[in-house]
């Protein structure tokens, strides 16, 4: 093998060892991914049998004005899609950060969990509003 292949292999081995040195990272990313799955599955389970294609439902509630946005029930999946995008971006940035900047990687990891938790709670409130 040529020299650059060995350097790439050594680099990825170093990344893999760094990621496995912090098992809490895998737990937190696993919990975040579980929150994403719950955000996708819960509206399907609770609302899909009750709603028709294109039916308009309340998708946003404001404390001062009450329900202020209506849309088709498929728009509910924008929150889980946004959560999935955040998860993939944060995991992509986590990989190079874990090698040199462990503290920033930890902040990113906990930030991912916080964002997914907030989005799951928001999905819960939207589902409660539509029951």
N, C-alpha and C. Protein backbone atom coordinates (compact mmCIF):
# COMPACT_ATOMS: atom_id res chain seq x y z
N UNK A 1 0.83 -1.19 0.00
CA UNK A 1 0.00 0.00 0.00
C UNK A 1 0.87 1.24 0.00
N UNK A 2 0.33 2.27 -0.59
CA UNK A 2 1.08 3.52 -0.63
C UNK A 2 1.00 4.22 0.72
N UNK A 3 1.85 5.23 0.88
CA UNK A 3 1.96 5.92 2.16
C UNK A 3 0.70 6.64 2.59
N UNK A 4 -0.01 7.24 1.63
CA UNK A 4 -1.21 8.01 2.02
C UNK A 4 -2.31 7.11 2.54
N UNK A 5 -2.37 5.87 2.02
CA UNK A 5 -3.40 4.94 2.53
C UNK A 5 -3.11 4.57 3.98
N UNK A 6 -1.84 4.35 4.30
CA UNK A 6 -1.50 4.03 5.67
C UNK A 6 -1.80 5.20 6.60
N UNK A 7 -1.51 6.43 6.13
CA UNK A 7 -1.81 7.59 6.97
C UNK A 7 -3.31 7.73 7.20
N UNK A 8 -4.11 7.49 6.17
CA UNK A 8 -5.57 7.57 6.33
C UNK A 8 -6.06 6.48 7.29
N UNK A 9 -5.49 5.29 7.13
CA UNK A 9 -5.90 4.19 8.01
C UNK A 9 -5.54 4.51 9.46
N UNK A 10 -4.33 5.03 9.68
CA UNK A 10 -3.93 5.40 11.04
C UNK A 10 -4.81 6.51 11.59
N UNK A 11 -5.17 7.46 10.73
CA UNK A 11 -6.04 8.57 11.16
C UNK A 11 -7.40 8.03 11.62
N UNK A 12 -8.01 7.14 10.83
CA UNK A 12 -9.31 6.59 11.20
C UNK A 12 -9.22 5.68 12.42
N UNK A 13 -8.10 4.96 12.57
CA UNK A 13 -7.91 4.17 13.79
C UNK A 13 -7.85 5.08 15.00
N UNK A 14 -7.17 6.22 14.87
CA UNK A 14 -7.09 7.18 15.97
C UNK A 14 -8.47 7.76 16.28
N UNK A 15 -9.25 8.09 15.25
CA UNK A 15 -10.61 8.60 15.45
C UNK A 15 -11.44 7.54 16.17
N UNK A 16 -11.38 6.30 15.73
CA UNK A 16 -12.18 5.23 16.33
C UNK A 16 -11.79 5.02 17.80
N UNK A 17 -10.49 5.02 18.10
CA UNK A 17 -10.06 4.85 19.49
C UNK A 17 -10.52 6.03 20.35
N UNK A 18 -10.47 7.25 19.79
CA UNK A 18 -10.90 8.42 20.55
C UNK A 18 -12.40 8.37 20.83
N UNK A 19 -13.17 7.93 19.85
CA UNK A 19 -14.62 7.84 20.05
C UNK A 19 -14.97 6.76 21.06
N UNK A 20 -14.25 5.66 21.05
CA UNK A 20 -14.55 4.58 21.98
C UNK A 20 -13.99 4.83 23.38
N UNK A 21 -13.12 5.83 23.53
CA UNK A 21 -12.60 6.14 24.85
C UNK A 21 -13.66 6.84 25.71
N UNK A 22 -14.71 7.32 25.09
CA UNK A 22 -15.78 8.00 25.82
C UNK A 22 -17.10 7.26 25.59
N UNK A 23 -17.39 6.23 26.38
CA UNK A 23 -18.64 5.47 26.15
C UNK A 23 -19.90 6.28 26.43
N UNK A 24 -19.78 7.33 27.24
CA UNK A 24 -20.97 8.15 27.51
C UNK A 24 -21.45 8.83 26.23
N UNK A 25 -20.52 9.11 25.32
CA UNK A 25 -20.90 9.74 24.05
C UNK A 25 -21.84 8.84 23.28
N UNK A 26 -21.54 7.56 23.24
CA UNK A 26 -22.41 6.62 22.52
C UNK A 26 -23.77 6.53 23.18
N UNK A 27 -23.81 6.58 24.52
CA UNK A 27 -25.10 6.55 25.22
C UNK A 27 -25.92 7.79 24.92
N UNK A 28 -25.28 8.95 24.94
CA UNK A 28 -26.02 10.19 24.71
C UNK A 28 -26.50 10.28 23.27
N UNK A 29 -25.66 9.88 22.31
CA UNK A 29 -26.11 9.87 20.93
C UNK A 29 -27.21 8.84 20.72
N UNK A 30 -27.13 7.72 21.44
CA UNK A 30 -28.20 6.72 21.34
C UNK A 30 -29.52 7.24 21.89
N UNK A 31 -29.47 7.94 23.01
CA UNK A 31 -30.68 8.52 23.59
C UNK A 31 -31.24 9.59 22.65
N UNK A 32 -30.36 10.40 22.07
CA UNK A 32 -30.81 11.43 21.12
C UNK A 32 -31.49 10.79 19.92
N UNK A 33 -30.93 9.71 19.42
CA UNK A 33 -31.54 9.03 18.29
C UNK A 33 -32.88 8.40 18.68
N UNK A 34 -32.99 7.91 19.91
CA UNK A 34 -34.26 7.39 20.40
C UNK A 34 -35.31 8.49 20.46
N UNK A 35 -34.91 9.69 20.88
CA UNK A 35 -35.84 10.82 20.89
C UNK A 35 -36.32 11.15 19.48
N UNK A 36 -35.42 11.07 18.50
CA UNK A 36 -35.80 11.32 17.11
C UNK A 36 -36.82 10.28 16.65
N UNK A 37 -36.55 9.01 16.96
CA UNK A 37 -37.50 7.95 16.57
C UNK A 37 -38.86 8.16 17.22
N UNK A 38 -38.87 8.53 18.50
CA UNK A 38 -40.14 8.79 19.18
C UNK A 38 -40.88 9.96 18.54
N UNK A 39 -40.12 10.98 18.12
CA UNK A 39 -40.75 12.13 17.47
C UNK A 39 -41.37 11.77 16.13
N UNK A 40 -40.80 10.80 15.44
CA UNK A 40 -41.36 10.36 14.17
C UNK A 40 -42.53 9.39 14.36
N UNK A 41 -42.39 8.46 15.30
CA UNK A 41 -43.37 7.38 15.44
C UNK A 41 -44.63 7.82 16.17
N UNK A 42 -44.50 8.65 17.20
CA UNK A 42 -45.65 9.05 18.01
C UNK A 42 -46.76 9.72 17.21
N UNK A 43 -46.48 10.71 16.34
CA UNK A 43 -47.59 11.29 15.58
C UNK A 43 -48.24 10.32 14.61
N UNK A 44 -47.44 9.42 14.06
CA UNK A 44 -48.02 8.41 13.17
C UNK A 44 -48.97 7.54 13.96
N UNK A 45 -48.55 7.14 15.13
CA UNK A 45 -49.34 6.22 15.95
C UNK A 45 -50.61 6.89 16.47
N UNK A 46 -50.52 8.15 16.89
CA UNK A 46 -51.66 8.81 17.51
C UNK A 46 -52.61 9.50 16.52
N UNK A 47 -52.09 10.04 15.43
CA UNK A 47 -52.92 10.88 14.59
C UNK A 47 -53.28 10.29 13.23
N UNK A 48 -52.50 9.36 12.72
CA UNK A 48 -52.73 8.93 11.34
C UNK A 48 -54.07 8.23 11.14
N UNK A 49 -54.57 7.54 12.13
CA UNK A 49 -55.85 6.85 11.97
C UNK A 49 -57.04 7.82 12.03
N UNK A 50 -56.84 8.99 12.65
CA UNK A 50 -57.94 9.93 12.83
C UNK A 50 -58.03 10.98 11.72
N UNK A 51 -56.94 11.15 10.98
CA UNK A 51 -56.88 12.25 10.03
C UNK A 51 -56.88 11.76 8.59
N UNK A 52 -57.44 12.58 7.72
CA UNK A 52 -57.44 12.29 6.30
C UNK A 52 -56.30 13.04 5.64
N UNK A 53 -55.96 12.64 4.43
CA UNK A 53 -54.90 13.29 3.67
C UNK A 53 -55.25 14.76 3.44
N UNK A 54 -54.35 15.67 3.79
CA UNK A 54 -54.57 17.09 3.54
C UNK A 54 -55.46 17.79 4.55
N UNK A 55 -55.94 17.09 5.57
CA UNK A 55 -56.78 17.72 6.58
C UNK A 55 -55.96 18.74 7.38
N UNK A 56 -56.56 19.88 7.65
CA UNK A 56 -55.88 20.95 8.36
C UNK A 56 -56.03 20.77 9.87
N UNK A 57 -54.93 20.89 10.59
CA UNK A 57 -54.93 20.77 12.05
C UNK A 57 -54.09 21.92 12.62
N UNK A 58 -54.29 22.25 13.91
CA UNK A 58 -53.43 23.25 14.53
C UNK A 58 -52.02 22.70 14.72
N UNK A 59 -51.02 23.46 14.26
CA UNK A 59 -49.64 22.99 14.41
C UNK A 59 -48.78 23.95 15.24
N UNK A 60 -49.35 25.06 15.68
CA UNK A 60 -48.61 25.97 16.55
C UNK A 60 -49.57 26.65 17.52
N UNK A 61 -49.14 26.76 18.76
CA UNK A 61 -49.95 27.39 19.80
C UNK A 61 -49.15 28.51 20.42
N UNK A 62 -49.76 29.66 20.58
CA UNK A 62 -49.14 30.81 21.20
C UNK A 62 -49.91 31.10 22.49
N UNK A 63 -49.20 31.38 23.57
CA UNK A 63 -49.83 31.62 24.86
C UNK A 63 -50.78 32.81 24.82
N UNK A 64 -50.42 33.84 24.08
CA UNK A 64 -51.21 35.06 24.06
C UNK A 64 -52.42 34.98 23.13
N UNK A 65 -52.27 34.31 22.01
CA UNK A 65 -53.33 34.29 21.01
C UNK A 65 -53.97 32.93 20.80
N UNK A 66 -53.50 31.91 21.46
CA UNK A 66 -54.02 30.57 21.25
C UNK A 66 -53.43 29.94 19.99
N UNK A 67 -54.22 29.15 19.32
CA UNK A 67 -53.75 28.51 18.08
C UNK A 67 -53.59 29.57 17.01
N UNK A 68 -52.38 29.70 16.47
CA UNK A 68 -52.14 30.75 15.49
C UNK A 68 -51.59 30.22 14.16
N UNK A 69 -51.50 28.91 14.02
CA UNK A 69 -51.03 28.37 12.74
C UNK A 69 -51.70 27.02 12.49
N UNK A 70 -52.25 26.88 11.31
CA UNK A 70 -52.86 25.63 10.88
C UNK A 70 -52.10 25.12 9.67
N UNK A 71 -52.13 23.82 9.49
CA UNK A 71 -51.50 23.23 8.31
C UNK A 71 -51.91 21.78 8.18
N UNK A 72 -51.47 21.15 7.11
CA UNK A 72 -51.78 19.73 6.93
C UNK A 72 -51.02 18.92 7.99
N UNK A 73 -51.54 17.77 8.32
CA UNK A 73 -50.95 17.01 9.42
C UNK A 73 -49.57 16.47 9.07
N UNK A 74 -49.22 16.47 7.79
CA UNK A 74 -47.88 16.04 7.42
C UNK A 74 -46.81 17.04 7.86
N UNK A 75 -47.21 18.29 8.10
CA UNK A 75 -46.26 19.31 8.55
C UNK A 75 -45.74 19.04 9.96
N UNK A 76 -46.40 18.16 10.68
CA UNK A 76 -45.93 17.81 12.02
C UNK A 76 -44.53 17.19 11.95
N UNK A 77 -44.22 16.57 10.84
CA UNK A 77 -42.94 15.88 10.72
C UNK A 77 -41.77 16.82 10.43
N UNK A 78 -42.02 18.12 10.38
CA UNK A 78 -40.92 19.06 10.22
C UNK A 78 -40.04 19.10 11.47
N UNK A 79 -40.64 18.97 12.65
CA UNK A 79 -39.85 18.95 13.88
C UNK A 79 -38.90 17.76 13.95
N UNK A 80 -39.38 16.53 13.73
CA UNK A 80 -38.44 15.41 13.76
C UNK A 80 -37.40 15.47 12.64
N UNK A 81 -37.78 16.02 11.48
CA UNK A 81 -36.80 16.15 10.40
C UNK A 81 -35.71 17.15 10.79
N UNK A 82 -36.11 18.24 11.43
CA UNK A 82 -35.13 19.20 11.92
C UNK A 82 -34.22 18.57 12.97
N UNK A 83 -34.80 17.77 13.84
CA UNK A 83 -34.00 17.06 14.85
C UNK A 83 -33.02 16.10 14.22
N UNK A 84 -33.43 15.40 13.17
CA UNK A 84 -32.52 14.49 12.48
C UNK A 84 -31.38 15.25 11.81
N UNK A 85 -31.68 16.40 11.24
CA UNK A 85 -30.63 17.22 10.62
C UNK A 85 -29.62 17.68 11.68
N UNK A 86 -30.12 18.16 12.82
CA UNK A 86 -29.22 18.56 13.91
C UNK A 86 -28.37 17.39 14.38
N UNK A 87 -28.99 16.23 14.52
CA UNK A 87 -28.28 15.05 14.98
C UNK A 87 -27.15 14.69 14.02
N UNK A 88 -27.46 14.65 12.72
CA UNK A 88 -26.43 14.28 11.74
C UNK A 88 -25.32 15.31 11.67
N UNK A 89 -25.67 16.60 11.71
CA UNK A 89 -24.64 17.65 11.69
C UNK A 89 -23.75 17.58 12.93
N UNK A 90 -24.36 17.43 14.09
CA UNK A 90 -23.57 17.38 15.32
C UNK A 90 -22.70 16.14 15.37
N UNK A 91 -23.20 15.01 14.90
CA UNK A 91 -22.38 13.80 14.89
C UNK A 91 -21.23 13.96 13.90
N UNK A 92 -21.48 14.62 12.77
CA UNK A 92 -20.43 14.85 11.79
C UNK A 92 -19.34 15.76 12.35
N UNK A 93 -19.72 16.78 13.11
CA UNK A 93 -18.73 17.66 13.71
C UNK A 93 -18.08 17.05 14.95
N UNK A 94 -18.76 16.10 15.57
CA UNK A 94 -18.22 15.45 16.77
C UNK A 94 -16.98 14.62 16.44
N UNK A 95 -16.99 13.97 15.29
CA UNK A 95 -15.90 13.05 14.93
C UNK A 95 -14.55 13.77 14.90
N UNK A 96 -14.38 14.87 14.18
CA UNK A 96 -13.05 15.51 14.22
C UNK A 96 -12.75 16.22 15.54
N UNK A 97 -13.79 16.66 16.24
CA UNK A 97 -13.55 17.39 17.49
C UNK A 97 -13.08 16.48 18.62
N UNK A 98 -13.46 15.22 18.61
CA UNK A 98 -13.13 14.33 19.72
C UNK A 98 -11.63 14.10 19.83
N UNK A 99 -10.91 14.26 18.72
CA UNK A 99 -9.47 14.00 18.73
C UNK A 99 -8.71 15.13 19.43
N UNK A 100 -8.99 16.38 19.07
CA UNK A 100 -8.18 17.48 19.55
C UNK A 100 -8.88 18.35 20.60
N UNK A 101 -10.18 18.46 20.53
CA UNK A 101 -10.91 19.36 21.42
C UNK A 101 -12.01 18.59 22.14
N UNK A 102 -11.62 17.83 23.14
CA UNK A 102 -12.58 16.98 23.84
C UNK A 102 -13.71 17.78 24.49
N UNK A 103 -13.39 18.93 25.07
CA UNK A 103 -14.41 19.73 25.75
C UNK A 103 -15.46 20.22 24.77
N UNK A 104 -15.04 20.69 23.60
CA UNK A 104 -16.00 21.12 22.59
C UNK A 104 -16.85 19.94 22.11
N UNK A 105 -16.24 18.77 22.01
CA UNK A 105 -16.99 17.59 21.61
C UNK A 105 -18.05 17.25 22.66
N UNK A 106 -17.71 17.39 23.94
CA UNK A 106 -18.69 17.14 25.00
C UNK A 106 -19.83 18.15 24.96
N UNK A 107 -19.50 19.42 24.72
CA UNK A 107 -20.55 20.44 24.62
C UNK A 107 -21.48 20.12 23.45
N UNK A 108 -20.90 19.73 22.34
CA UNK A 108 -21.69 19.37 21.16
C UNK A 108 -22.59 18.17 21.44
N UNK A 109 -22.05 17.19 22.14
CA UNK A 109 -22.80 15.99 22.46
C UNK A 109 -23.99 16.30 23.38
N UNK A 110 -23.75 17.06 24.43
CA UNK A 110 -24.84 17.41 25.34
C UNK A 110 -25.81 18.38 24.69
N UNK A 111 -25.32 19.24 23.80
CA UNK A 111 -26.20 20.13 23.06
C UNK A 111 -27.15 19.35 22.16
N UNK A 112 -26.65 18.29 21.56
CA UNK A 112 -27.50 17.43 20.74
C UNK A 112 -28.62 16.83 21.57
N UNK A 113 -28.27 16.32 22.74
CA UNK A 113 -29.29 15.73 23.61
C UNK A 113 -30.32 16.78 24.03
N UNK A 114 -29.87 17.98 24.35
CA UNK A 114 -30.79 19.05 24.76
C UNK A 114 -31.73 19.42 23.62
N UNK A 115 -31.21 19.59 22.41
CA UNK A 115 -32.04 19.95 21.26
C UNK A 115 -33.08 18.87 20.99
N UNK A 116 -32.66 17.62 21.03
CA UNK A 116 -33.61 16.52 20.77
C UNK A 116 -34.67 16.44 21.86
N UNK A 117 -34.30 16.71 23.09
CA UNK A 117 -35.26 16.70 24.19
C UNK A 117 -36.29 17.82 24.01
N UNK A 118 -35.83 19.02 23.66
CA UNK A 118 -36.75 20.15 23.45
C UNK A 118 -37.70 19.86 22.29
N UNK A 119 -37.18 19.30 21.20
CA UNK A 119 -38.02 18.98 20.05
C UNK A 119 -39.04 17.88 20.37
N UNK A 120 -38.64 16.92 21.21
CA UNK A 120 -39.59 15.88 21.62
C UNK A 120 -40.70 16.47 22.50
N UNK A 121 -40.34 17.37 23.39
CA UNK A 121 -41.35 18.03 24.24
C UNK A 121 -42.29 18.87 23.38
N UNK A 122 -41.74 19.59 22.39
CA UNK A 122 -42.58 20.38 21.48
C UNK A 122 -43.53 19.47 20.71
N UNK A 123 -43.05 18.31 20.27
CA UNK A 123 -43.92 17.37 19.57
C UNK A 123 -45.01 16.87 20.50
N UNK A 124 -44.67 16.63 21.77
CA UNK A 124 -45.68 16.21 22.73
C UNK A 124 -46.77 17.25 22.92
N UNK A 125 -46.40 18.53 22.98
CA UNK A 125 -47.40 19.58 23.12
C UNK A 125 -48.27 19.70 21.87
N UNK A 126 -47.68 19.54 20.70
CA UNK A 126 -48.48 19.57 19.46
C UNK A 126 -49.47 18.41 19.44
N UNK A 127 -49.03 17.25 19.88
CA UNK A 127 -49.94 16.09 19.90
C UNK A 127 -51.04 16.27 20.94
N UNK A 128 -50.72 16.86 22.09
CA UNK A 128 -51.75 17.12 23.11
C UNK A 128 -52.77 18.13 22.60
N UNK A 129 -52.31 19.10 21.83
CA UNK A 129 -53.21 20.11 21.28
C UNK A 129 -54.17 19.50 20.26
N UNK A 130 -53.76 18.43 19.61
CA UNK A 130 -54.57 17.83 18.55
C UNK A 130 -55.39 16.62 19.02
N UNK A 131 -55.39 16.31 20.28
CA UNK A 131 -56.16 15.16 20.76
C UNK A 131 -57.59 15.53 20.96
